C-alpha atoms as a PDB file:
ATOM      1  CA  UNK A   1     -17.431  82.504  10.110  1.00  0.00           C
ATOM      2  CA  UNK A   2     -18.129  83.973   6.644  1.00  0.00           C
ATOM      3  CA  UNK A   3     -19.792  87.237   5.647  1.00  0.00           C
ATOM      4  CA  UNK A   4     -22.882  87.183   3.421  1.00  0.00           C
ATOM      5  CA  UNK A   5     -20.800  88.163   0.412  1.00  0.00           C
ATOM      6  CA  UNK A   6     -18.378  85.330   1.088  1.00  0.00           C
ATOM      7  CA  UNK A   7     -21.175  82.792   1.560  1.00  0.00           C
ATOM      8  CA  UNK A   8     -22.815  83.913  -1.761  1.00  0.00           C
ATOM      9  CA  UNK A   9     -19.423  83.534  -3.482  1.00  0.00           C
ATOM     10  CA  UNK A  10     -18.783  80.021  -2.138  1.00  0.00           C
ATOM     11  CA  UNK A  11     -22.298  79.065  -2.953  1.00  0.00           C
ATOM     12  CA  UNK A  12     -22.011  80.210  -6.497  1.00  0.00           C
ATOM     13  CA  UNK A  13     -18.765  78.379  -6.985  1.00  0.00           C
ATOM     14  CA  UNK A  14     -20.189  75.094  -5.513  1.00  0.00           C
ATOM     15  CA  UNK A  15     -23.338  75.544  -7.762  1.00  0.00           C
ATOM     16  CA  UNK A  16     -21.139  75.864 -10.848  1.00  0.00           C
ATOM     17  CA  UNK A  17     -19.098  72.773  -9.887  1.00  0.00           C
ATOM     18  CA  UNK A  18     -22.197  70.729  -9.286  1.00  0.00           C
ATOM     19  CA  UNK A  19     -23.854  71.810 -12.518  1.00  0.00           C
ATOM     20  CA  UNK A  20     -20.707  71.181 -14.493  1.00  0.00           C
ATOM     21  CA  UNK A  21     -20.837  67.497 -13.615  1.00  0.00           C
ATOM     22  CA  UNK A  22     -24.083  67.290 -15.713  1.00  0.00           C
ATOM     23  CA  UNK A  23     -25.042  64.402 -13.485  1.00  0.00           C
ATOM     24  CA  UNK A  24     -28.431  62.995 -14.664  1.00  0.00           C
ATOM     25  CA  UNK A  25     -29.862  62.936 -11.044  1.00  0.00           C
ATOM     26  CA  UNK A  26     -29.307  66.671 -10.604  1.00  0.00           C
ATOM     27  CA  UNK A  27     -32.118  69.047 -11.499  1.00  0.00           C
ATOM     28  CA  UNK A  28     -31.697  71.512 -14.319  1.00  0.00           C
ATOM     29  CA  UNK A  29     -30.841  74.986 -13.052  1.00  0.00           C
ATOM     30  CA  UNK A  30     -30.651  75.512  -9.276  1.00  0.00           C
ATOM     31  CA  UNK A  31     -29.236  72.687  -7.236  1.00  0.00           C
ATOM     32  CA  UNK A  32     -30.356  72.701  -3.633  1.00  0.00           C
ATOM     33  CA  UNK A  33     -27.497  71.827  -1.183  1.00  0.00           C
ATOM     34  CA  UNK A  34     -26.273  72.529   2.332  1.00  0.00           C
ATOM     35  CA  UNK A  35     -22.590  72.794   3.311  1.00  0.00           C
ATOM     36  CA  UNK A  36     -21.355  72.687   6.922  1.00  0.00           C
ATOM     37  CA  UNK A  37     -17.903  74.046   7.548  1.00  0.00           C
ATOM     38  CA  UNK A  38     -16.176  73.444  10.932  1.00  0.00           C
ATOM     39  CA  UNK A  39     -13.606  75.971  12.034  1.00  0.00           C
ATOM     40  CA  UNK A  40     -10.574  75.476  14.158  1.00  0.00           C
ATOM     41  CA  UNK A  41     -12.569  76.362  17.387  1.00  0.00           C
ATOM     42  CA  UNK A  42     -15.611  74.700  18.679  1.00  0.00           C
ATOM     43  CA  UNK A  43     -17.680  77.897  18.177  1.00  0.00           C
ATOM     44  CA  UNK A  44     -16.242  78.530  14.723  1.00  0.00           C
ATOM     45  CA  UNK A  45     -18.512  77.130  12.027  1.00  0.00           C
ATOM     46  CA  UNK A  46     -20.671  78.012   9.153  1.00  0.00           C
ATOM     47  CA  UNK A  47     -23.695  76.688   7.376  1.00  0.00           C
ATOM     48  CA  UNK A  48     -23.845  77.488   3.564  1.00  0.00           C
ATOM     49  CA  UNK A  49     -26.881  76.980   1.448  1.00  0.00           C
ATOM     50  CA  UNK A  50     -27.349  77.547  -2.320  1.00  0.00           C
ATOM     51  CA  UNK A  51     -28.200  81.144  -2.837  1.00  0.00           C
ATOM     52  CA  UNK A  52     -31.803  80.282  -4.031  1.00  0.00           C
ATOM     53  CA  UNK A  53     -32.724  79.009  -0.597  1.00  0.00           C
ATOM     54  CA  UNK A  54     -31.569  82.152   1.273  1.00  0.00           C
ATOM     55  CA  UNK A  55     -33.907  85.110   0.521  1.00  0.00           C
ATOM     56  CA  UNK A  56     -33.080  87.164   3.621  1.00  0.00           C
ATOM     57  CA  UNK A  57     -29.648  86.171   5.043  1.00  0.00           C
ATOM     58  CA  UNK A  58     -29.105  86.860   8.723  1.00  0.00           C
ATOM     59  CA  UNK A  59     -26.323  89.390   9.234  1.00  0.00           C
ATOM     60  CA  UNK A  60     -23.649  88.762  11.914  1.00  0.00           C
ATOM     61  CA  UNK A  61     -21.651  92.056  12.358  1.00  0.00           C
ATOM     62  CA  UNK A  62     -18.468  90.114  13.345  1.00  0.00           C
ATOM     63  CA  UNK A  63     -18.589  88.050  10.142  1.00  0.00           C
ATOM     64  CA  UNK A  64     -19.309  91.212   8.023  1.00  0.00           C
ATOM     65  CA  UNK A  65     -16.320  92.969   9.593  1.00  0.00           C
ATOM     66  CA  UNK A  66     -14.018  89.977   8.604  1.00  0.00           C
ATOM     67  CA  UNK A  67     -15.062  90.458   4.972  1.00  0.00           C
ATOM     68  CA  UNK A  68     -13.686  94.017   4.947  1.00  0.00           C
ATOM     69  CA  UNK A  69     -10.446  92.719   6.445  1.00  0.00           C
ATOM     70  CA  UNK A  70      -9.822  89.640   4.352  1.00  0.00           C
ATOM     71  CA  UNK A  71     -11.548  90.738   1.088  1.00  0.00           C
ATOM     72  CA  UNK A  72     -13.776  88.591  -1.139  1.00  0.00           C
ATOM     73  CA  UNK A  73     -12.774  85.151  -2.203  1.00  0.00           C
END
């Protein structure tokens, strides 16, 4: 559903939100999380992990093409 650039942008924003809470149970620095996004179709979904978990992201040409159409978030 999202390009690699879009997933990284979403991940960065979520990471910042979580860190800003300064919750005592969160680790200092990188917070590990998984986000599942369901699209409007049964086949339309995305799993987003924090950037620190994804060293070599898989590339889906369709998703990458969407990034050039919609632009970055």
